[in-house]
């Protein structure tokens, strides 16, 4: 048996043992449990003591990380080696936020000079738009940015804007991603084209949904302002200068990024130009600085005190040790309400693989299904199933220790719900407690027999609680970097390539075959159901 196989075996054995116990009871037999399973980094505090592992299970998970050589893989990523093996690319989103004196290289080729050149152009353009030096064709300052992209070109910047936008922004940002024309119409309904800057985000400038919306935006501008004036309202994030030029974007308003940046890791780049303009360059730099703090922690902290590693190991323990294929992420922070949607792409596109880096089927389950929402809203939605349903779904609950926003007293109410849910998931409520309560209220014995089991909470539901000191550009940057590195660690342990996404391509190819048929072209060969549906839609 290999060292890695032995580590997997130990984890599975420890998980079976832990699964027979109760999390609340583990604290009594493990006096150092809280200290060992709580870690702080970059303005974030993580409490993993309410997870399902015993400390023996935690140690088994650490042994698995070592056997999978997480430390070596981490060094390879920071060293710019081609860890995206299927595309022979380095993975260097960490370079996008690094200080300019950093020495990152992709496959031995220095990259920071290029990064700094694009940063400088972004900063200059952002400051010129904000100051009014770059004006609309009418001579008025831009008041709104229409950001057009999809996937990583939308989810990251959209979340970033939600998290960091001023309450009353000087420049607003609106987002359009869906090829459903209703989104474009609704988003632009109250916008003034004469004071709108359109930024189209597509590396290849060929993504179907993005280009359909980009064409709609250009037509919208041209109808109001004229074709030539519309050009002064366009900018792009792309590497396809020939295509952006043909589309009408001035060359000095095109900002690139690199093939060593995956889309779901690209919000640190020019992909977030819209937010850099609207929130201000200083905010964007602070966002980067917070991520660098987490990068430093991830690179240097020992595995047993490493926040991304611990977060990843908790998921591996639940997913592989205890057979729990889903995970819920709930942010008790209105500004982070889109976090779970962002993590769906980050984690499920990265690690939703059944074939390993060696081209063979994986031996263990990979990415969990990620879902979530915003606390306290989800308490009135799916928490019923989380508390009393037949399946156990691990959770991450995220909150802010303090905030300056909102009426007095509301944040304490929010935090009380956050803490109460974490405690309730773990301790539950016994049938004996329910029976006593009902009896004390004078409920008759026959009714107690029926109602007590229904009001019992089994508890023993695991959760991790993540607290940000406050929601600042720095702590938000650290939070996103935390999840990026968590995703990376999981991929290393599962033996998969977290940085390609071949599963995204097939649907695009098939949509390209179907579209001509819907537009009146000759029928192609499909399964009977699809053929019938196309005929119905054409009729």
Protein backbone atom coordinates (compact mmCIF):
# COMPACT_ATOMS: atom_id res chain seq x y z
CA UNK A 1 0.00 0.00 0.00
CA UNK A 2 1.37 3.41 -0.96
CA UNK A 3 1.80 6.19 1.56
CA UNK A 4 -1.12 8.06 -0.03
CA UNK A 5 -3.40 5.00 0.05
CA UNK A 6 -2.51 4.43 3.69
CA UNK A 7 -3.38 8.04 4.50
CA UNK A 8 -6.75 7.69 2.76
CA UNK A 9 -7.40 4.51 4.72
CA UNK A 10 -6.58 6.19 8.01
CA UNK A 11 -8.88 9.13 7.19
CA UNK A 12 -11.78 6.81 6.34
CA UNK A 13 -11.28 4.83 9.54
CA UNK A 14 -11.13 7.98 11.65
CA UNK A 15 -14.25 9.34 9.93
CA UNK A 16 -16.22 6.18 10.66
CA UNK A 17 -15.25 6.44 14.31
CA UNK A 18 -16.09 10.15 14.51
CA UNK A 19 -19.38 9.58 12.74
CA UNK A 20 -20.50 7.36 15.61
CA UNK A 21 -20.06 10.16 18.14
CA UNK A 22 -21.51 13.60 18.73
CA UNK A 23 -19.62 16.79 18.05
CA UNK A 24 -20.82 18.39 21.29
CA UNK A 25 -19.34 15.49 23.27
CA UNK A 26 -15.93 15.77 21.60
CA UNK A 27 -15.23 18.98 23.54
CA UNK A 28 -15.35 17.09 26.85
CA UNK A 29 -12.74 14.53 25.84
CA UNK A 30 -10.53 16.99 23.94
CA UNK A 31 -9.66 19.94 26.19
CA UNK A 32 -7.44 21.52 23.52
CA UNK A 33 -10.03 21.07 20.76
CA UNK A 34 -10.99 24.73 20.52
CA UNK A 35 -7.41 26.00 20.43
CA UNK A 36 -6.30 23.45 17.84
CA UNK A 37 -9.28 24.01 15.57
CA UNK A 38 -9.38 27.81 15.67
CA UNK A 39 -7.05 29.83 13.50
CA UNK A 40 -6.67 33.51 12.65
CA UNK A 41 -5.21 35.01 9.50
CA UNK A 42 -5.38 38.33 7.65
CA UNK A 43 -8.27 39.75 9.68
CA UNK A 44 -10.27 36.51 9.55
CA UNK A 45 -11.00 34.05 12.35
CA UNK A 46 -12.00 30.46 11.56
CA UNK A 47 -13.60 28.17 14.13
CA UNK A 48 -13.65 24.57 12.89
CA UNK A 49 -14.28 23.05 16.31
CA UNK A 50 -17.93 22.35 15.42
CA UNK A 51 -16.88 20.14 12.52
CA UNK A 52 -17.51 16.38 12.63
CA UNK A 53 -13.92 15.33 13.15
CA UNK A 54 -12.33 14.27 16.40
CA UNK A 55 -8.79 15.49 16.90
CA UNK A 56 -7.64 12.06 15.75
CA UNK A 57 -9.66 12.59 12.58
CA UNK A 58 -8.11 16.03 12.21
CA UNK A 59 -4.64 14.52 12.49
CA UNK A 60 -5.59 11.90 9.91
CA UNK A 61 -6.68 14.66 7.54
CA UNK A 62 -3.35 16.45 8.06
CA UNK A 63 -1.51 13.19 7.30
CA UNK A 64 -3.51 12.94 4.06
CA UNK A 65 -2.50 16.48 3.09
CA UNK A 66 1.14 15.61 3.68
CA UNK A 67 0.88 12.32 1.80
CA UNK A 68 -0.69 14.15 -1.16
CA UNK A 69 2.24 16.61 -1.00
CA UNK A 70 0.16 19.75 -0.57
CA UNK A 71 3.31 21.58 0.49
CA UNK A 72 5.15 20.61 -2.69
CA UNK A 73 2.18 21.52 -4.89
CA UNK A 74 1.90 24.85 -3.09
CA UNK A 75 5.56 25.60 -3.80
CA UNK A 76 5.06 24.64 -7.45
CA UNK A 77 2.13 27.05 -7.81
CA UNK A 78 3.93 29.98 -6.20
CA UNK A 79 7.01 29.05 -8.26
CA UNK A 80 5.12 29.45 -11.52
CA UNK A 81 5.41 25.82 -12.64
CA UNK A 82 2.91 24.51 -15.18
CA UNK A 83 0.55 22.95 -12.67
CA UNK A 84 -2.31 23.31 -15.17
CA UNK A 85 -1.01 20.19 -16.86
CA UNK A 86 -3.72 19.69 -19.49
CA UNK A 87 -2.98 23.13 -20.98
CA UNK A 88 0.70 23.34 -19.98
CA UNK A 89 0.16 26.61 -18.14
CA UNK A 90 1.30 28.17 -14.91
CA UNK A 91 -1.35 29.27 -12.43
CA UNK A 92 -0.45 32.73 -11.17
CA UNK A 93 -3.48 34.69 -10.09
CA UNK A 94 -1.38 35.43 -6.98
CA UNK A 95 0.89 37.56 -9.20
CA UNK A 96 -2.02 39.81 -10.15
CA UNK A 97 -2.27 41.12 -6.59
CA UNK A 98 1.40 40.92 -5.65
CA UNK A 99 3.55 43.98 -4.87
CA UNK A 100 5.44 45.28 -7.88
CA UNK A 101 8.78 44.14 -6.44
CA UNK A 102 7.60 40.50 -6.31
CA UNK A 103 9.52 38.00 -8.42
CA UNK A 104 6.79 35.83 -9.92
CA UNK A 105 7.43 34.00 -13.15
CA UNK A 106 5.35 31.74 -15.39
CA UNK A 107 7.36 28.69 -16.46
CA UNK A 108 10.54 30.64 -15.82
CA UNK A 109 9.48 33.81 -17.61
CA UNK A 110 9.12 36.93 -15.43
CA UNK A 111 5.60 38.35 -15.43
CA UNK A 112 5.55 41.29 -13.03
CA UNK A 113 6.64 43.89 -15.59
CA UNK A 114 3.63 42.99 -17.74
CA UNK A 115 1.35 42.97 -14.71
CA UNK A 116 2.57 46.40 -13.66
CA UNK A 117 2.15 47.81 -17.17
CA UNK A 118 -1.53 46.79 -17.26
CA UNK A 119 -2.04 47.98 -13.68
CA UNK A 120 -0.62 51.39 -14.56
CA UNK A 121 -2.91 51.70 -17.58
CA UNK A 122 -5.91 50.61 -15.50
CA UNK A 123 -5.09 53.10 -12.77
CA UNK A 124 -4.66 55.96 -15.21
CA UNK A 125 -7.92 55.18 -16.99
CA UNK A 126 -9.82 54.71 -13.72
CA UNK A 127 -8.62 58.01 -12.34
CA UNK A 128 -9.31 59.84 -15.61
CA UNK A 129 -12.88 58.55 -15.73
CA UNK A 130 -13.49 59.40 -12.07
CA UNK A 131 -12.02 62.89 -12.41
CA UNK A 132 -13.93 63.63 -15.61
CA UNK A 133 -10.77 63.93 -17.71
CA UNK A 134 -12.21 61.13 -19.83
CA UNK A 135 -15.71 62.26 -20.74
CA UNK A 136 -18.64 60.97 -22.68
CA UNK A 137 -19.28 62.07 -26.26
CA UNK A 138 -21.61 64.77 -24.89
CA UNK A 139 -18.84 66.24 -22.77
CA UNK A 140 -20.53 65.07 -19.59
CA UNK A 141 -18.84 62.81 -17.03
CA UNK A 142 -19.74 59.14 -16.99
CA UNK A 143 -22.27 58.33 -14.30
CA UNK A 144 -22.83 54.63 -14.99
CA UNK A 145 -20.75 51.69 -16.18
CA UNK A 146 -22.45 48.82 -17.98
CA UNK A 147 -20.27 45.76 -17.34
CA UNK A 148 -20.85 42.95 -19.84
CA UNK A 149 -19.36 39.50 -19.24
CA UNK A 150 -20.32 36.04 -18.06
CA UNK A 151 -18.92 33.39 -15.72
CA UNK A 152 -15.65 34.55 -14.21
CA UNK A 153 -15.99 37.80 -16.15
CA UNK A 154 -19.20 38.55 -14.24
CA UNK A 155 -19.47 36.68 -10.93
CA UNK A 156 -16.25 38.01 -9.40
CA UNK A 157 -16.63 41.69 -10.33
CA UNK A 158 -20.34 41.60 -9.41
CA UNK A 159 -19.55 40.21 -5.95
CA UNK A 160 -16.68 42.66 -5.56
CA UNK A 161 -18.98 45.60 -6.33
CA UNK A 162 -21.65 44.36 -3.92
CA UNK A 163 -19.06 44.00 -1.17
CA UNK A 164 -17.23 47.29 -1.57
CA UNK A 165 -19.51 49.75 -3.33
CA UNK A 166 -20.12 53.09 -1.59
CA UNK A 167 -23.64 53.63 -0.30
CA UNK A 168 -24.01 56.52 -2.74
CA UNK A 169 -21.46 55.89 -5.50
CA UNK A 170 -20.14 58.64 -7.71
CA UNK A 171 -20.32 56.15 -10.59
CA UNK A 172 -22.72 53.21 -10.51
CA UNK A 173 -22.04 49.81 -12.05
CA UNK A 174 -24.71 47.66 -13.71
CA UNK A 175 -24.08 44.10 -14.86
CA UNK A 176 -25.45 42.11 -17.79
CA UNK A 177 -24.47 38.47 -18.24
CA UNK A 178 -27.39 36.38 -19.43
CA UNK A 179 -28.14 35.97 -23.13
CA UNK A 180 -31.80 36.29 -22.15
CA UNK A 181 -32.62 39.72 -23.57
CA UNK A 182 -34.86 40.52 -20.62
CA UNK A 183 -31.81 41.15 -18.45
CA UNK A 184 -30.38 43.71 -20.85
CA UNK A 185 -33.71 45.47 -21.20
CA UNK A 186 -34.40 45.62 -17.47
CA UNK A 187 -30.86 46.70 -16.53
CA UNK A 188 -30.67 49.51 -19.09
CA UNK A 189 -34.27 50.73 -18.78
CA UNK A 190 -33.41 53.72 -16.54
CA UNK A 191 -29.87 54.33 -17.80
CA UNK A 192 -28.80 57.33 -19.85
CA UNK A 193 -26.64 56.25 -22.81
CA UNK A 194 -25.14 59.74 -22.94
CA UNK A 195 -23.45 59.14 -19.57
CA UNK A 196 -22.83 55.40 -19.74
CA UNK A 197 -19.48 53.68 -20.27
CA UNK A 198 -19.81 50.13 -21.62
CA UNK A 199 -17.01 47.71 -20.69
CA UNK A 200 -17.07 44.36 -22.52
CA UNK A 201 -15.12 41.60 -20.78
CA UNK A 202 -14.15 38.61 -22.93
CA UNK A 203 -10.61 37.31 -23.36
CA UNK A 204 -11.27 35.99 -26.87
CA UNK A 205 -14.09 38.40 -27.72
CA UNK A 206 -16.05 35.42 -29.04
CA UNK A 207 -18.14 34.25 -26.05
CA UNK A 208 -21.66 33.96 -27.44
CA UNK A 209 -23.59 35.45 -24.53
CA UNK A 210 -21.14 38.30 -24.01
CA UNK A 211 -20.95 39.27 -27.65
CA UNK A 212 -24.74 39.19 -28.03
CA UNK A 213 -25.03 41.63 -25.12
CA UNK A 214 -22.11 43.69 -26.40
CA UNK A 215 -23.81 44.07 -29.77
CA UNK A 216 -27.05 45.05 -28.02
CA UNK A 217 -25.16 47.66 -25.99
CA UNK A 218 -23.42 49.11 -29.04
CA UNK A 219 -26.75 49.31 -30.89
CA UNK A 220 -28.29 50.98 -27.82
CA UNK A 221 -25.50 53.57 -27.73
CA UNK A 222 -25.53 54.14 -31.49
CA UNK A 223 -29.30 54.64 -31.60
CA UNK A 224 -29.04 57.38 -28.99
CA UNK A 225 -25.70 58.97 -29.83
CA UNK A 226 -24.72 57.97 -33.35
CA UNK A 227 -22.19 55.37 -34.49
CA UNK A 228 -19.06 57.50 -34.15
CA UNK A 229 -19.99 58.95 -30.76
CA UNK A 230 -20.76 55.47 -29.45
CA UNK A 231 -17.08 54.52 -29.82
CA UNK A 232 -16.22 57.00 -27.06
CA UNK A 233 -18.46 55.03 -24.72
CA UNK A 234 -16.73 51.68 -25.24
CA UNK A 235 -13.89 49.90 -23.45
CA UNK A 236 -12.90 46.25 -23.36
CA UNK A 237 -11.00 43.65 -21.37
CA UNK A 238 -9.61 41.25 -23.95
CA UNK A 239 -6.51 39.88 -25.63
CA UNK A 240 -8.10 39.94 -29.12
CA UNK A 241 -7.14 43.41 -30.31
CA UNK A 242 -8.18 42.68 -33.87
CA UNK A 243 -11.70 41.79 -32.76
CA UNK A 244 -12.06 44.68 -30.30
CA UNK A 245 -10.92 47.10 -33.01
CA UNK A 246 -13.41 45.71 -35.51
CA UNK A 247 -16.11 46.03 -32.86
CA UNK A 248 -15.28 49.71 -32.43
CA UNK A 249 -13.32 49.82 -29.17
CA UNK A 250 -10.42 52.30 -29.29
CA UNK A 251 -7.12 50.43 -28.88
CA UNK A 252 -6.08 52.57 -25.90
CA UNK A 253 -9.19 51.37 -24.05
CA UNK A 254 -8.46 47.66 -24.33
CA UNK A 255 -6.91 46.02 -21.27
CA UNK A 256 -5.48 42.51 -21.39
CA UNK A 257 -4.69 39.62 -19.09
CA UNK A 258 -2.86 36.33 -19.49
CA UNK A 259 -3.38 32.65 -20.15
CA UNK A 260 -1.98 31.84 -16.70
CA UNK A 261 -5.13 33.43 -15.23
CA UNK A 262 -8.25 31.25 -15.21
CA UNK A 263 -11.55 33.07 -15.59
CA UNK A 264 -12.79 32.19 -12.11
CA UNK A 265 -9.53 33.51 -10.64
CA UNK A 266 -9.48 36.72 -12.70
CA UNK A 267 -11.27 39.29 -10.54
CA UNK A 268 -7.83 40.55 -9.44
CA UNK A 269 -7.07 41.59 -13.03
CA UNK A 270 -8.43 44.06 -15.56
CA UNK A 271 -11.60 41.93 -15.50
CA UNK A 272 -12.58 44.10 -12.50
CA UNK A 273 -11.82 47.38 -14.29
CA UNK A 274 -15.44 48.48 -13.79
CA UNK A 275 -15.11 48.20 -10.03
CA UNK A 276 -11.65 49.78 -9.99
CA UNK A 277 -13.19 52.83 -11.66
CA UNK A 278 -16.38 53.03 -9.64
CA UNK A 279 -15.02 52.12 -6.19
CA UNK A 280 -11.73 53.97 -6.68
CA UNK A 281 -8.23 52.72 -7.34
CA UNK A 282 -7.23 52.93 -3.68
CA UNK A 283 -10.05 50.51 -2.78
CA UNK A 284 -8.93 48.11 -5.51
CA UNK A 285 -5.34 48.21 -4.22
CA UNK A 286 -6.48 47.54 -0.66
CA UNK A 287 -8.47 44.56 -1.93
CA UNK A 288 -5.24 43.25 -3.43
CA UNK A 289 -3.31 43.90 -0.23
CA UNK A 290 -5.70 41.79 1.83
CA UNK A 291 -5.30 38.89 -0.57
CA UNK A 292 -1.51 39.18 -0.33
CA UNK A 293 -1.78 38.78 3.45
CA UNK A 294 -3.69 35.53 2.92
CA UNK A 295 -1.21 34.42 0.25
CA UNK A 296 1.63 34.93 2.70
CA UNK A 297 -0.21 33.02 5.40
CA UNK A 298 -1.03 30.15 3.05
CA UNK A 299 2.54 29.93 1.76
CA UNK A 300 4.27 30.14 5.14
CA UNK A 301 1.99 28.76 7.87
CA UNK A 302 2.39 25.11 8.90
CA UNK A 303 -0.40 22.88 7.66
CA UNK A 304 -2.02 22.47 11.09
CA UNK A 305 -2.31 26.26 11.53
CA UNK A 306 -3.06 27.10 7.90
CA UNK A 307 -6.55 28.53 7.34
CA UNK A 308 -7.07 27.46 3.69
CA UNK A 309 -5.67 24.01 4.43
CA UNK A 310 -7.95 23.48 7.44
CA UNK A 311 -11.00 24.66 5.50
CA UNK A 312 -10.14 22.25 2.68
CA UNK A 313 -9.52 19.34 5.03
CA UNK A 314 -12.90 19.83 6.70
CA UNK A 315 -14.53 19.47 3.29
CA UNK A 316 -12.46 16.38 2.43
CA UNK A 317 -13.35 14.81 5.80
CA UNK A 318 -17.06 15.39 5.20
CA UNK A 319 -17.08 14.62 1.46
CA UNK A 320 -14.86 11.55 1.46
CA UNK A 321 -14.79 10.35 5.03
CA UNK A 322 -18.49 10.74 5.81
CA UNK A 323 -20.06 10.64 2.34
CA UNK A 324 -21.63 14.10 2.39
CA UNK A 325 -21.79 15.34 -1.20
CA UNK A 326 -23.09 18.88 -0.61
CA UNK A 327 -22.09 21.95 1.39
CA UNK A 328 -23.94 25.15 2.21
CA UNK A 329 -22.27 28.55 2.56
CA UNK A 330 -24.33 31.25 4.26
CA UNK A 331 -23.04 34.79 4.70
CA UNK A 332 -24.66 36.75 7.51
CA UNK A 333 -23.75 39.91 5.64
CA UNK A 334 -26.02 41.46 3.04
CA UNK A 335 -23.06 42.67 0.99
CA UNK A 336 -21.86 39.07 0.63
CA UNK A 337 -25.18 37.65 -0.52
CA UNK A 338 -23.66 36.59 -3.87
CA UNK A 339 -20.73 34.77 -2.26
CA UNK A 340 -22.26 31.32 -2.64
CA UNK A 341 -22.88 31.94 -6.37
CA UNK A 342 -19.25 32.97 -6.77
CA UNK A 343 -18.08 29.87 -4.90
CA UNK A 344 -20.23 27.64 -7.08
CA UNK A 345 -18.08 28.55 -10.05
CA UNK A 346 -14.79 28.74 -8.15
CA UNK A 347 -15.16 25.31 -6.55
CA UNK A 348 -17.43 23.31 -8.84
CA UNK A 349 -15.82 24.43 -12.10
CA UNK A 350 -12.37 23.91 -10.62
CA UNK A 351 -12.91 20.57 -8.90
CA UNK A 352 -15.96 19.06 -10.58
CA UNK A 353 -13.82 16.41 -12.27
CA UNK A 354 -13.98 12.61 -12.45
CA UNK A 355 -10.65 12.12 -14.23
CA UNK A 356 -7.36 12.76 -12.49
CA UNK A 357 -4.24 14.49 -13.75
CA UNK A 358 -2.93 11.07 -14.80
CA UNK A 359 -5.86 10.57 -17.19
CA UNK A 360 -7.42 7.85 -15.04
CA UNK A 361 -10.73 7.89 -13.11
CA UNK A 362 -10.39 9.35 -9.63
CA UNK A 363 -10.53 7.00 -6.68
CA UNK A 364 -12.51 9.36 -4.45
CA UNK A 365 -15.41 11.81 -4.76
CA UNK A 366 -14.42 15.31 -5.78
CA UNK A 367 -16.20 18.67 -5.58
CA UNK A 368 -19.16 18.97 -3.26
CA UNK A 369 -22.31 20.63 -4.54
CA UNK A 370 -22.16 24.20 -3.23
CA UNK A 371 -25.30 26.16 -2.46
CA UNK A 372 -26.18 28.93 -0.09
CA UNK A 373 -27.65 32.33 0.42
CA UNK A 374 -27.90 35.20 2.81
CA UNK A 375 -28.52 34.99 6.53
CA UNK A 376 -31.05 35.51 8.03
CA UNK A 377 -33.19 35.04 4.90
CA UNK A 378 -32.23 31.40 4.38
CA UNK A 379 -33.26 30.54 7.91
CA UNK A 380 -36.81 31.03 6.61
CA UNK A 381 -36.11 28.98 3.49
CA UNK A 382 -34.04 25.79 3.56
CA UNK A 383 -32.78 25.67 7.16
CA UNK A 384 -35.73 23.43 8.04
CA UNK A 385 -34.14 20.65 5.97
CA UNK A 386 -30.72 21.46 7.39
CA UNK A 387 -31.95 21.03 10.97
CA UNK A 388 -34.41 18.15 10.66
CA UNK A 389 -33.96 16.64 7.21
CA UNK A 390 -32.74 13.12 6.58
CA UNK A 391 -29.37 14.25 5.18
CA UNK A 392 -26.53 15.98 7.01
CA UNK A 393 -25.09 18.89 5.03
CA UNK A 394 -21.98 20.64 6.37
CA UNK A 395 -22.08 24.41 6.47
CA UNK A 396 -19.89 27.47 6.51
CA UNK A 397 -21.42 30.41 8.32
CA UNK A 398 -19.75 33.76 7.69
CA UNK A 399 -20.24 36.95 9.66
CA UNK A 400 -18.75 40.33 10.51
CA UNK A 401 -17.56 40.94 14.06
CA UNK A 402 -18.39 44.63 13.67
CA UNK A 403 -19.86 47.01 11.13
CA UNK A 404 -20.51 50.73 10.78
CA UNK A 405 -23.51 50.22 8.50
CA UNK A 406 -27.17 50.00 9.41
CA UNK A 407 -29.41 51.28 12.21
CA UNK A 408 -28.26 50.81 15.79
CA UNK A 409 -28.94 47.39 17.27
CA UNK A 410 -29.52 45.51 14.03
CA UNK A 411 -26.05 44.03 13.79
CA UNK A 412 -26.31 42.48 17.25
CA UNK A 413 -29.55 40.80 16.16
CA UNK A 414 -27.81 39.48 13.06
CA UNK A 415 -24.89 38.12 15.06
CA UNK A 416 -27.21 36.51 17.59
CA UNK A 417 -28.82 34.56 14.76
CA UNK A 418 -25.45 33.54 13.34
CA UNK A 419 -24.19 32.21 16.66
CA UNK A 420 -27.50 30.59 17.55
CA UNK A 421 -27.72 28.68 14.29
CA UNK A 422 -24.17 27.34 14.65
CA UNK A 423 -24.93 26.19 18.18
CA UNK A 424 -28.34 24.76 17.28
CA UNK A 425 -26.94 22.77 14.37
CA UNK A 426 -24.47 21.13 16.73
CA UNK A 427 -26.39 20.58 19.96
CA UNK A 428 -29.92 20.13 18.62
CA UNK A 429 -32.78 19.55 21.03
CA UNK A 430 -33.55 16.21 22.63
CA UNK A 431 -36.95 14.55 22.72
CA UNK A 432 -36.86 14.53 26.51
CA UNK A 433 -36.47 18.33 26.52
CA UNK A 434 -39.39 18.70 24.15
CA UNK A 435 -41.57 16.35 26.19
CA UNK A 436 -40.90 18.29 29.39
CA UNK A 437 -41.63 21.61 27.72
CA UNK A 438 -44.94 20.36 26.31
CA UNK A 439 -45.93 18.78 29.62
CA UNK A 440 -45.12 22.02 31.47
CA UNK A 441 -47.50 23.79 29.09
CA UNK A 442 -50.26 21.35 30.00
CA UNK A 443 -50.36 19.52 26.68
CA UNK A 444 -52.17 16.19 27.06
CA UNK A 445 -50.16 12.95 26.93
CA UNK A 446 -51.59 11.72 23.62
CA UNK A 447 -50.65 14.96 21.87
CA UNK A 448 -47.18 14.87 23.45
CA UNK A 449 -46.63 11.42 21.92
CA UNK A 450 -47.39 12.80 18.47
CA UNK A 451 -45.71 16.20 18.75
CA UNK A 452 -42.53 15.49 20.71
CA UNK A 453 -40.74 13.53 17.95
CA UNK A 454 -41.67 16.22 15.40
CA UNK A 455 -40.19 18.97 17.54
CA UNK A 456 -36.96 17.12 18.25
CA UNK A 457 -33.77 18.40 16.63
CA UNK A 458 -31.13 15.68 16.19
CA UNK A 459 -28.24 18.16 16.11
CA UNK A 460 -24.75 16.87 15.31
CA UNK A 461 -24.78 18.95 12.14
CA UNK A 462 -21.26 20.27 11.43
CA UNK A 463 -20.40 23.87 10.68
CA UNK A 464 -17.41 26.15 10.36
CA UNK A 465 -17.80 29.74 11.50
CA UNK A 466 -15.75 32.41 9.76
CA UNK A 467 -15.64 35.90 11.22
CA UNK A 468 -14.22 38.94 9.46
CA UNK A 469 -13.10 41.72 11.82
CA UNK A 470 -15.04 44.09 9.57
CA UNK A 471 -15.93 44.02 5.90
CA UNK A 472 -13.11 46.09 4.43
CA UNK A 473 -11.33 45.83 1.08
CA UNK A 474 -8.53 44.04 2.92
CA UNK A 475 -10.64 41.42 4.70
CA UNK A 476 -12.74 40.82 1.60
CA UNK A 477 -9.57 40.24 -0.43
CA UNK A 478 -8.36 37.83 2.24
CA UNK A 479 -11.70 35.97 2.21
CA UNK A 480 -11.64 35.41 -1.56
CA UNK A 481 -7.99 34.31 -1.45
CA UNK A 482 -8.87 31.94 1.41
CA UNK A 483 -11.40 30.16 -0.80
CA UNK A 484 -9.10 30.14 -3.82
CA UNK A 485 -6.38 28.39 -1.85
CA UNK A 486 -8.91 26.03 -0.22
CA UNK A 487 -10.04 24.97 -3.70
CA UNK A 488 -6.43 24.40 -4.74
CA UNK A 489 -5.66 22.22 -1.70
CA UNK A 490 -8.71 20.04 -2.35
CA UNK A 491 -7.68 19.52 -5.97
CA UNK A 492 -4.20 18.43 -4.87
CA UNK A 493 -5.63 15.91 -2.41
CA UNK A 494 -8.05 14.52 -5.02
CA UNK A 495 -5.31 14.36 -7.66
CA UNK A 496 -7.15 16.49 -10.22
CA UNK A 497 -6.33 19.58 -12.29
CA UNK A 498 -8.28 22.44 -10.70
CA UNK A 499 -7.42 24.88 -13.46
CA UNK A 500 -9.01 23.59 -16.66
CA UNK A 501 -12.73 23.40 -17.44
CA UNK A 502 -13.38 21.10 -20.38
CA UNK A 503 -16.87 20.38 -19.09
CA UNK A 504 -17.91 23.92 -19.94
CA UNK A 505 -17.20 23.46 -23.64
CA UNK A 506 -19.58 20.72 -24.80
CA UNK A 507 -22.79 22.67 -24.24
CA UNK A 508 -21.33 25.66 -26.08
CA UNK A 509 -20.44 23.52 -29.09
CA UNK A 510 -23.89 21.94 -29.22
CA UNK A 511 -25.61 25.32 -28.84
CA UNK A 512 -23.62 26.46 -31.86
CA UNK A 513 -25.11 23.57 -33.83
CA UNK A 514 -28.67 24.22 -32.71
CA UNK A 515 -28.78 27.99 -33.21
CA UNK A 516 -28.72 27.87 -37.05
CA UNK A 517 -31.62 25.45 -36.97
CA UNK A 518 -33.70 27.75 -34.77
CA UNK A 519 -32.90 30.57 -37.19
CA UNK A 520 -34.26 28.60 -40.12
CA UNK A 521 -31.33 26.48 -41.24
CA UNK A 522 -31.34 22.85 -42.26
CA UNK A 523 -31.96 20.30 -39.49
CA UNK A 524 -29.00 18.48 -37.98
CA UNK A 525 -28.78 15.06 -36.37
CA UNK A 526 -30.03 15.03 -32.75
CA UNK A 527 -31.66 12.64 -30.34
CA UNK A 528 -35.45 12.27 -30.83
CA UNK A 529 -36.34 14.53 -27.89
CA UNK A 530 -34.14 17.42 -29.04
CA UNK A 531 -35.34 17.05 -32.64
CA UNK A 532 -38.96 17.25 -31.48
CA UNK A 533 -38.30 20.29 -29.28
CA UNK A 534 -36.57 22.16 -32.11
CA UNK A 535 -39.50 21.42 -34.40
CA UNK A 536 -41.95 22.63 -31.75
CA UNK A 537 -40.06 25.89 -31.23
CA UNK A 538 -39.78 26.55 -34.97
CA UNK A 539 -43.49 25.91 -35.39
